[in-house]
């Protein structure tokens, strides 16, 4: 039973410490998200984020740290953007691709270090853009040069500190630290969304609420189905005789996920999608030709004013990042070489290059299903929101929020289960 698994988790000291460590990191994150920088008009901030869906969605991912104008108001945005930029650059610079894919753990660590370094200038740029925009909107007081510099420095330090906390979770905790930190930010706003749902409920909206809950159920079921779906490739191992003993000869399978990239394409797509809107909002008040272009770009990337264009770009970005991230992290050639070294082969396929080509063939066709399904799940809530006009379910109707929450929970449960099974084998 499930409660027996819970008791088992907390009986194992190492696993219990990992879970408590992750919870402690979450607590530190929530404390920092409620430490504001000075000069905020709280009422105007709430009105601005309530009226602007783009910034409202961005605020959900920072767990309310943005509309509080806290010292971690940027969340993990600069770090995610830096990772996207570097991974895109691997397609342009062969040396960077070699560093990431072929030089082992040492190369991967150097690549990650480049990502950390790039995070700093991106955080400086984004913090300056945000503060300038909020000052122009009258949401915060006009800051003198020394206080503006201090605020930018503090916000940049907060973004770097969150990046460090995320990496600590990945290193010492359970699951991907970046995904778990975003999960914590989303869940932190959940009680407020429930309160809004109760306060804003009207009997006349009952059909819309029922439709919303039905779609939310379908989204959860779809995410679980896509995350858990596998394409099993049969693998056999050659028989080997050593002395009087025979080894190998077993048959097993290689599980190929329908969506190997998990929730990362959603996070990447959203980061890219929010960036033009942020820059456009920053430049929109400058006037002249540049200001007019910025306003046009901002309108194009605003789901309230251009829903069809927004969801079309969102869908395409999810497709592209699913293929891109899978190409970066999943290497059929390496899998083929490992199988060959261990005496394994796919029945009917020659070992080596033929096996790698076969894995590419299967992967590309399986990914079509995974990428299209993930894209449809991502854009469906925006369509439902336009039909039902329910604006009180920021956590759920935001679409991406629900997908990330379900995916992170599934992945964390899978990792905990794997650690439990590993300890069961150690008792034999």
Protein backbone atom coordinates (compact mmCIF):
# COMPACT_ATOMS: atom_id res chain seq x y z
CA UNK A 1 0.00 0.00 0.00
CA UNK A 2 1.06 3.62 -0.58
CA UNK A 3 1.30 4.49 3.13
CA UNK A 4 3.73 1.60 3.64
CA UNK A 5 5.98 3.15 0.98
CA UNK A 6 5.82 6.49 2.83
CA UNK A 7 6.84 4.82 6.11
CA UNK A 8 9.60 2.99 4.27
CA UNK A 9 10.94 6.25 2.80
CA UNK A 10 11.25 7.87 6.23
CA UNK A 11 12.76 4.73 7.78
CA UNK A 12 15.76 4.92 5.43
CA UNK A 13 18.08 7.57 6.86
CA UNK A 14 19.79 8.56 3.61
CA UNK A 15 16.51 8.94 1.68
CA UNK A 16 14.87 10.77 4.59
CA UNK A 17 17.76 13.24 4.75
CA UNK A 18 17.50 13.92 1.02
CA UNK A 19 13.78 14.71 1.27
CA UNK A 20 14.30 16.95 4.32
CA UNK A 21 17.17 18.69 2.50
CA UNK A 22 14.91 19.48 -0.49
CA UNK A 23 12.18 20.78 1.85
CA UNK A 24 14.73 23.00 3.62
CA UNK A 25 15.81 24.47 0.27
CA UNK A 26 12.15 25.15 -0.54
CA UNK A 27 11.77 26.98 2.80
CA UNK A 28 14.82 29.17 2.08
CA UNK A 29 13.40 29.96 -1.36
CA UNK A 30 10.02 31.00 0.11
CA UNK A 31 11.68 33.23 2.72
CA UNK A 32 13.70 35.00 0.02
CA UNK A 33 10.61 35.36 -2.19
CA UNK A 34 9.01 37.49 0.53
CA UNK A 35 11.92 39.89 1.08
CA UNK A 36 11.08 42.92 -1.14
CA UNK A 37 13.30 45.65 -2.47
CA UNK A 38 12.28 49.16 -1.23
CA UNK A 39 9.79 51.61 -2.77
CA UNK A 40 6.94 49.31 -3.88
CA UNK A 41 3.31 50.30 -4.37
CA UNK A 42 1.80 46.90 -3.47
CA UNK A 43 -1.74 47.74 -4.63
CA UNK A 44 -0.60 48.92 -8.06
CA UNK A 45 1.61 45.84 -8.40
CA UNK A 46 -1.39 43.54 -7.83
CA UNK A 47 -3.49 45.46 -10.36
CA UNK A 48 -0.71 45.35 -12.96
CA UNK A 49 -0.12 41.62 -12.65
CA UNK A 50 -3.86 40.91 -12.59
CA UNK A 51 -4.38 42.82 -15.86
CA UNK A 52 -1.24 41.64 -17.68
CA UNK A 53 -1.44 37.92 -18.44
CA UNK A 54 2.14 37.72 -19.69
CA UNK A 55 3.61 39.01 -16.43
CA UNK A 56 0.95 37.11 -14.46
CA UNK A 57 2.19 33.83 -15.95
CA UNK A 58 5.79 34.83 -15.29
CA UNK A 59 4.83 35.62 -11.69
CA UNK A 60 3.35 32.13 -11.25
CA UNK A 61 6.74 30.61 -12.11
CA UNK A 62 8.53 32.71 -9.52
CA UNK A 63 6.02 31.72 -6.82
CA UNK A 64 4.81 35.30 -6.35
CA UNK A 65 8.38 36.59 -6.01
CA UNK A 66 7.91 38.92 -8.98
CA UNK A 67 4.77 40.79 -7.90
CA UNK A 68 6.32 41.08 -4.42
CA UNK A 69 9.36 42.58 -6.21
CA UNK A 70 11.51 40.41 -3.99
CA UNK A 71 15.25 39.89 -4.15
CA UNK A 72 14.65 36.67 -6.16
CA UNK A 73 12.08 38.27 -8.49
CA UNK A 74 13.75 36.80 -11.61
CA UNK A 75 13.51 33.24 -10.34
CA UNK A 76 15.56 30.80 -12.42
CA UNK A 77 14.80 32.63 -15.68
CA UNK A 78 18.36 33.92 -16.37
CA UNK A 79 19.91 30.49 -15.73
CA UNK A 80 17.39 28.68 -17.94
CA UNK A 81 17.95 31.24 -20.71
CA UNK A 82 21.73 30.83 -20.47
CA UNK A 83 21.41 27.03 -20.74
CA UNK A 84 19.17 27.38 -23.81
CA UNK A 85 21.65 29.77 -25.46
CA UNK A 86 24.62 27.46 -24.83
CA UNK A 87 22.80 24.37 -26.04
CA UNK A 88 21.76 26.20 -29.20
CA UNK A 89 25.39 27.24 -29.69
CA UNK A 90 26.44 23.56 -29.68
CA UNK A 91 24.76 23.34 -33.10
CA UNK A 92 26.98 26.18 -34.41
CA UNK A 93 30.35 25.57 -32.71
CA UNK A 94 31.72 21.98 -33.00
CA UNK A 95 34.18 22.59 -30.12
CA UNK A 96 31.30 23.37 -27.76
CA UNK A 97 29.38 20.28 -28.96
CA UNK A 98 32.46 18.13 -28.40
CA UNK A 99 32.85 19.58 -24.90
CA UNK A 100 29.23 18.78 -24.04
CA UNK A 101 28.88 15.33 -25.66
CA UNK A 102 32.29 13.69 -26.01
CA UNK A 103 34.55 14.83 -23.18
CA UNK A 104 32.72 13.02 -20.40
CA UNK A 105 31.93 14.36 -16.96
CA UNK A 106 34.80 16.85 -16.96
CA UNK A 107 33.58 18.42 -20.21
CA UNK A 108 30.01 18.55 -18.91
CA UNK A 109 31.18 20.35 -15.77
CA UNK A 110 33.05 22.95 -17.84
CA UNK A 111 29.95 23.42 -20.03
CA UNK A 112 27.80 23.96 -16.92
CA UNK A 113 30.35 26.48 -15.65
CA UNK A 114 29.91 28.49 -18.87
CA UNK A 115 26.16 28.46 -18.18
CA UNK A 116 26.70 29.84 -14.67
CA UNK A 117 28.96 32.62 -15.97
CA UNK A 118 26.46 33.60 -18.68
CA UNK A 119 23.69 33.75 -16.06
CA UNK A 120 25.24 36.85 -14.45
CA UNK A 121 25.06 39.29 -17.44
CA UNK A 122 21.60 37.96 -18.34
CA UNK A 123 20.39 38.57 -14.77
CA UNK A 124 21.83 42.11 -14.83
CA UNK A 125 20.08 42.84 -18.15
CA UNK A 126 16.72 41.39 -17.05
CA UNK A 127 16.77 43.08 -13.63
CA UNK A 128 17.51 46.48 -15.19
CA UNK A 129 14.76 45.97 -17.79
CA UNK A 130 12.23 44.94 -15.11
CA UNK A 131 13.03 47.82 -12.76
CA UNK A 132 12.93 50.37 -15.59
CA UNK A 133 9.57 49.03 -16.77
CA UNK A 134 8.07 49.10 -13.26
CA UNK A 135 9.36 52.64 -12.68
CA UNK A 136 7.82 53.80 -15.97
CA UNK A 137 4.49 52.17 -15.01
CA UNK A 138 4.56 53.93 -11.63
CA UNK A 139 4.65 50.62 -9.74
CA UNK A 140 7.79 51.58 -7.83
CA UNK A 141 9.38 54.89 -6.96
CA UNK A 142 11.98 56.43 -9.26
CA UNK A 143 15.22 55.05 -7.84
CA UNK A 144 18.36 57.22 -7.64
CA UNK A 145 21.41 55.87 -9.47
CA UNK A 146 23.08 54.41 -6.36
CA UNK A 147 19.89 52.67 -5.17
CA UNK A 148 19.17 51.38 -8.71
CA UNK A 149 22.69 49.92 -8.88
CA UNK A 150 22.26 48.30 -5.46
CA UNK A 151 18.86 46.86 -6.45
CA UNK A 152 20.26 45.40 -9.70
CA UNK A 153 23.18 43.90 -7.79
CA UNK A 154 20.84 42.41 -5.15
CA UNK A 155 18.44 40.91 -7.72
CA UNK A 156 21.36 39.46 -9.72
CA UNK A 157 22.80 37.93 -6.54
CA UNK A 158 19.35 36.47 -5.78
CA UNK A 159 19.15 34.85 -9.25
CA UNK A 160 22.66 33.36 -8.84
CA UNK A 161 21.79 32.12 -5.33
CA UNK A 162 18.65 30.38 -6.64
CA UNK A 163 20.74 28.77 -9.39
CA UNK A 164 23.10 27.47 -6.70
CA UNK A 165 20.19 26.11 -4.64
CA UNK A 166 18.83 24.31 -7.71
CA UNK A 167 22.21 22.70 -8.37
CA UNK A 168 22.46 21.66 -4.71
CA UNK A 169 19.15 19.81 -5.05
CA UNK A 170 20.37 18.07 -8.23
CA UNK A 171 23.61 17.07 -6.50
CA UNK A 172 22.38 16.05 -3.04
CA UNK A 173 18.63 15.71 -3.33
CA UNK A 174 16.12 13.84 -5.47
CA UNK A 175 15.32 14.81 -9.05
CA UNK A 176 16.23 17.77 -11.22
CA UNK A 177 16.86 20.83 -9.03
CA UNK A 178 15.71 23.40 -11.60
CA UNK A 179 12.39 21.60 -12.22
CA UNK A 180 11.81 21.17 -8.47
CA UNK A 181 12.47 24.87 -7.78
CA UNK A 182 9.97 25.86 -10.48
CA UNK A 183 7.54 23.32 -8.99
CA UNK A 184 7.98 24.92 -5.56
CA UNK A 185 7.29 28.36 -7.01
CA UNK A 186 4.09 27.18 -8.71
CA UNK A 187 2.80 25.31 -5.66
CA UNK A 188 3.48 28.31 -3.39
CA UNK A 189 0.76 30.24 -5.22
CA UNK A 190 -1.73 27.35 -5.11
CA UNK A 191 -3.49 28.33 -1.82
CA UNK A 192 -4.05 31.85 -3.15
CA UNK A 193 -5.63 30.46 -6.33
CA UNK A 194 -7.95 28.24 -4.30
CA UNK A 195 -8.98 31.29 -2.27
CA UNK A 196 -9.67 33.24 -5.47
CA UNK A 197 -11.73 30.35 -6.79
CA UNK A 198 -13.92 30.32 -3.67
CA UNK A 199 -14.29 34.11 -3.47
CA UNK A 200 -15.00 34.57 -7.18
CA UNK A 201 -17.44 31.66 -7.56
CA UNK A 202 -20.80 32.46 -9.14
CA UNK A 203 -23.62 30.02 -9.89
CA UNK A 204 -23.91 31.35 -13.45
CA UNK A 205 -20.34 30.18 -14.14
CA UNK A 206 -21.03 26.58 -13.11
CA UNK A 207 -20.94 25.16 -16.71
CA UNK A 208 -17.60 26.90 -17.32
CA UNK A 209 -16.20 25.52 -14.07
CA UNK A 210 -17.33 22.00 -14.95
CA UNK A 211 -15.78 22.29 -18.42
CA UNK A 212 -12.56 23.56 -16.87
CA UNK A 213 -12.32 20.66 -14.38
CA UNK A 214 -13.02 18.16 -17.17
CA UNK A 215 -10.20 19.62 -19.29
CA UNK A 216 -7.87 19.77 -16.25
CA UNK A 217 -8.53 16.04 -15.70
CA UNK A 218 -7.78 15.31 -19.38
CA UNK A 219 -4.55 17.32 -19.17
CA UNK A 220 -3.39 15.39 -16.09
CA UNK A 221 -4.27 12.06 -17.75
CA UNK A 222 -2.50 13.15 -20.96
CA UNK A 223 0.67 14.19 -19.13
CA UNK A 224 0.79 10.90 -17.21
CA UNK A 225 0.20 8.91 -20.41
CA UNK A 226 2.90 10.71 -22.42
CA UNK A 227 5.45 10.64 -19.58
CA UNK A 228 4.94 6.94 -18.86
CA UNK A 229 4.60 5.70 -22.48
CA UNK A 230 7.47 3.53 -23.73
CA UNK A 231 8.51 1.95 -27.01
CA UNK A 232 10.30 -1.26 -26.01
CA UNK A 233 13.08 -2.36 -28.40
CA UNK A 234 14.03 -6.05 -27.97
CA UNK A 235 17.68 -6.73 -27.11
CA UNK A 236 19.40 -10.13 -26.97
CA UNK A 237 22.81 -10.98 -25.56
CA UNK A 238 25.19 -13.46 -27.18
CA UNK A 239 26.10 -16.64 -25.28
CA UNK A 240 29.64 -16.79 -23.98
CA UNK A 241 31.36 -19.89 -22.54
CA UNK A 242 34.02 -19.42 -19.88
CA UNK A 243 35.42 -22.65 -18.54
CA UNK A 244 32.50 -24.82 -17.53
CA UNK A 245 30.03 -21.92 -17.32
CA UNK A 246 27.84 -20.24 -19.92
CA UNK A 247 27.09 -16.53 -19.69
CA UNK A 248 24.64 -14.35 -21.60
CA UNK A 249 21.97 -15.67 -23.88
CA UNK A 250 19.29 -13.59 -22.12
CA UNK A 251 16.68 -11.48 -23.87
CA UNK A 252 15.49 -8.14 -22.57
CA UNK A 253 14.38 -4.81 -24.03
CA UNK A 254 15.57 -1.23 -24.32
CA UNK A 255 12.81 1.15 -23.13
CA UNK A 256 12.55 4.23 -25.36
CA UNK A 257 10.40 6.98 -23.90
CA UNK A 258 7.76 8.53 -26.15
CA UNK A 259 8.88 11.87 -24.68
CA UNK A 260 12.53 11.49 -23.55
CA UNK A 261 12.84 15.23 -22.88
CA UNK A 262 10.17 15.24 -20.15
CA UNK A 263 9.00 18.69 -19.07
CA UNK A 264 12.15 20.55 -20.19
CA UNK A 265 10.74 21.57 -23.64
CA UNK A 266 7.81 23.31 -21.89
CA UNK A 267 10.17 25.28 -19.62
CA UNK A 268 12.46 26.20 -22.52
CA UNK A 269 9.56 27.21 -24.79
CA UNK A 270 8.02 29.40 -22.12
CA UNK A 271 11.36 31.09 -21.36
CA UNK A 272 11.84 31.95 -25.04
CA UNK A 273 8.19 33.03 -25.41
CA UNK A 274 8.32 35.41 -22.44
CA UNK A 275 11.58 37.08 -23.46
CA UNK A 276 10.32 39.12 -26.50
CA UNK A 277 7.31 40.31 -24.49
CA UNK A 278 9.55 41.48 -21.64
CA UNK A 279 11.86 43.39 -24.00
CA UNK A 280 8.87 44.87 -25.87
CA UNK A 281 7.29 46.06 -22.61
CA UNK A 282 10.60 47.64 -21.63
CA UNK A 283 11.02 49.49 -24.96
CA UNK A 284 7.33 50.24 -25.53
CA UNK A 285 7.40 53.60 -23.74
CA UNK A 286 10.47 54.98 -25.52
CA UNK A 287 8.41 56.47 -28.38
CA UNK A 288 9.39 56.85 -32.02
CA UNK A 289 9.88 54.02 -34.50
CA UNK A 290 11.56 51.75 -31.94
CA UNK A 291 8.67 52.23 -29.50
CA UNK A 292 6.09 51.45 -32.21
CA UNK A 293 7.92 48.27 -33.24
CA UNK A 294 8.21 47.22 -29.59
CA UNK A 295 4.47 47.76 -29.06
CA UNK A 296 3.67 45.67 -32.15
CA UNK A 297 5.96 42.87 -30.92
CA UNK A 298 4.41 43.07 -27.45
CA UNK A 299 0.90 42.83 -28.91
CA UNK A 300 1.92 39.82 -31.02
CA UNK A 301 3.28 37.95 -27.99
CA UNK A 302 0.34 38.87 -25.73
CA UNK A 303 -2.16 35.97 -25.46
CA UNK A 304 -4.95 38.40 -24.58
CA UNK A 305 -4.57 40.35 -27.84
CA UNK A 306 -3.28 37.65 -30.19
CA UNK A 307 -4.33 34.27 -28.82
CA UNK A 308 -4.02 32.38 -32.12
CA UNK A 309 -0.51 33.68 -32.84
CA UNK A 310 0.60 33.07 -29.25
CA UNK A 311 -0.57 29.44 -29.04
CA UNK A 312 0.76 28.72 -32.57
CA UNK A 313 4.28 29.90 -31.63
CA UNK A 314 4.04 28.11 -28.25
CA UNK A 315 3.06 24.86 -29.97
CA UNK A 316 5.89 25.12 -32.54
CA UNK A 317 8.48 25.94 -29.85
CA UNK A 318 7.44 22.91 -27.79
CA UNK A 319 7.83 20.70 -30.88
CA UNK A 320 11.25 22.13 -31.73
CA UNK A 321 12.62 21.95 -28.18
CA UNK A 322 11.38 18.36 -27.76
CA UNK A 323 13.43 17.31 -30.79
CA UNK A 324 16.34 19.59 -29.90
CA UNK A 325 16.68 18.56 -26.25
CA UNK A 326 16.33 14.87 -27.14
CA UNK A 327 19.09 15.26 -29.76
CA UNK A 328 21.33 16.89 -27.13
CA UNK A 329 20.74 14.38 -24.31
CA UNK A 330 19.98 11.10 -26.13
CA UNK A 331 22.78 9.61 -28.26
CA UNK A 332 21.79 6.43 -30.20
CA UNK A 333 25.40 6.01 -31.35
CA UNK A 334 26.66 5.78 -27.75
CA UNK A 335 23.86 3.34 -26.83
CA UNK A 336 24.74 1.20 -29.87
CA UNK A 337 28.43 1.13 -28.89
CA UNK A 338 27.61 0.18 -25.29
CA UNK A 339 25.34 -2.64 -26.45
CA UNK A 340 28.08 -3.94 -28.73
CA UNK A 341 30.67 -3.86 -25.94
CA UNK A 342 28.36 -5.89 -23.67
CA UNK A 343 27.59 -8.43 -26.39
CA UNK A 344 24.05 -7.15 -26.93
CA UNK A 345 22.25 -6.73 -30.25
CA UNK A 346 18.80 -5.96 -31.62
CA UNK A 347 17.46 -9.12 -33.33
CA UNK A 348 17.65 -8.77 -37.10
CA UNK A 349 19.90 -5.66 -36.94
CA UNK A 350 23.68 -5.74 -37.27
CA UNK A 351 25.63 -4.29 -34.30
CA UNK A 352 27.34 -0.92 -34.59
CA UNK A 353 26.24 1.68 -37.15
CA UNK A 354 23.19 -0.29 -38.32
CA UNK A 355 21.89 -0.45 -34.74
CA UNK A 356 22.46 3.30 -34.26
CA UNK A 357 20.59 4.03 -37.51
CA UNK A 358 17.74 1.78 -36.37
CA UNK A 359 17.50 3.59 -33.02
CA UNK A 360 17.46 6.96 -34.86
CA UNK A 361 14.67 5.64 -37.10
CA UNK A 362 12.52 4.50 -34.15
CA UNK A 363 13.28 7.62 -32.07
CA UNK A 364 12.29 10.08 -34.81
CA UNK A 365 8.92 8.39 -35.30
CA UNK A 366 8.18 7.99 -31.62
CA UNK A 367 9.09 11.65 -31.00
CA UNK A 368 6.41 12.81 -33.43
CA UNK A 369 3.76 11.39 -31.09
CA UNK A 370 5.47 12.72 -27.95
CA UNK A 371 6.16 16.22 -29.29
CA UNK A 372 2.71 16.76 -30.85
CA UNK A 373 0.95 15.43 -27.72
CA UNK A 374 3.04 17.65 -25.43
CA UNK A 375 2.36 20.67 -27.65
CA UNK A 376 -1.40 20.04 -27.67
CA UNK A 377 -1.48 19.62 -23.89
CA UNK A 378 0.48 22.88 -23.50
CA UNK A 379 -1.88 25.02 -25.61
CA UNK A 380 -5.19 23.39 -24.63
CA UNK A 381 -5.67 25.38 -21.38
CA UNK A 382 -5.27 28.71 -23.22
CA UNK A 383 -8.08 27.69 -25.55
CA UNK A 384 -10.24 26.61 -22.61
CA UNK A 385 -9.61 29.90 -20.83
CA UNK A 386 -10.68 31.81 -23.96
CA UNK A 387 -13.89 29.73 -24.17
CA UNK A 388 -14.83 29.73 -20.47
CA UNK A 389 -13.34 33.14 -19.55
CA UNK A 390 -12.29 31.81 -16.13
CA UNK A 391 -9.40 33.93 -14.84
CA UNK A 392 -9.26 32.79 -11.23
CA UNK A 393 -7.40 29.53 -11.85
CA UNK A 394 -3.96 31.00 -12.48
CA UNK A 395 -2.32 27.81 -11.20
CA UNK A 396 -4.39 25.45 -13.32
CA UNK A 397 -5.56 27.35 -16.39
CA UNK A 398 -2.05 28.65 -16.96
CA UNK A 399 -1.54 25.29 -18.65
CA UNK A 400 2.20 25.11 -18.35
CA UNK A 401 1.93 25.20 -14.56
CA UNK A 402 -0.24 22.09 -14.44
CA UNK A 403 1.98 20.21 -16.89
CA UNK A 404 5.14 21.01 -14.92
CA UNK A 405 3.55 20.06 -11.58
CA UNK A 406 2.33 16.67 -12.85
CA UNK A 407 5.59 15.91 -14.69
CA UNK A 408 7.82 16.84 -11.74
CA UNK A 409 5.70 14.78 -9.33
CA UNK A 410 5.89 11.74 -11.65
CA UNK A 411 9.66 12.09 -12.13
CA UNK A 412 10.29 12.55 -8.39
CA UNK A 413 8.13 9.52 -7.55
CA UNK A 414 10.04 7.48 -10.13
CA UNK A 415 13.39 8.45 -8.62
CA UNK A 416 12.24 7.70 -5.07
CA UNK A 417 10.92 4.32 -6.21
CA UNK A 418 14.24 3.57 -7.93
CA UNK A 419 16.16 4.37 -4.73
CA UNK A 420 13.83 2.15 -2.70
CA UNK A 421 14.34 -0.74 -5.14
CA UNK A 422 18.10 -0.23 -5.06
CA UNK A 423 18.09 -0.59 -1.28
CA UNK A 424 15.91 -3.71 -1.51
CA UNK A 425 18.52 -5.32 -3.79
CA UNK A 426 21.28 -4.37 -1.34
CA UNK A 427 19.62 -6.54 1.34
CA UNK A 428 20.11 -9.75 -0.69
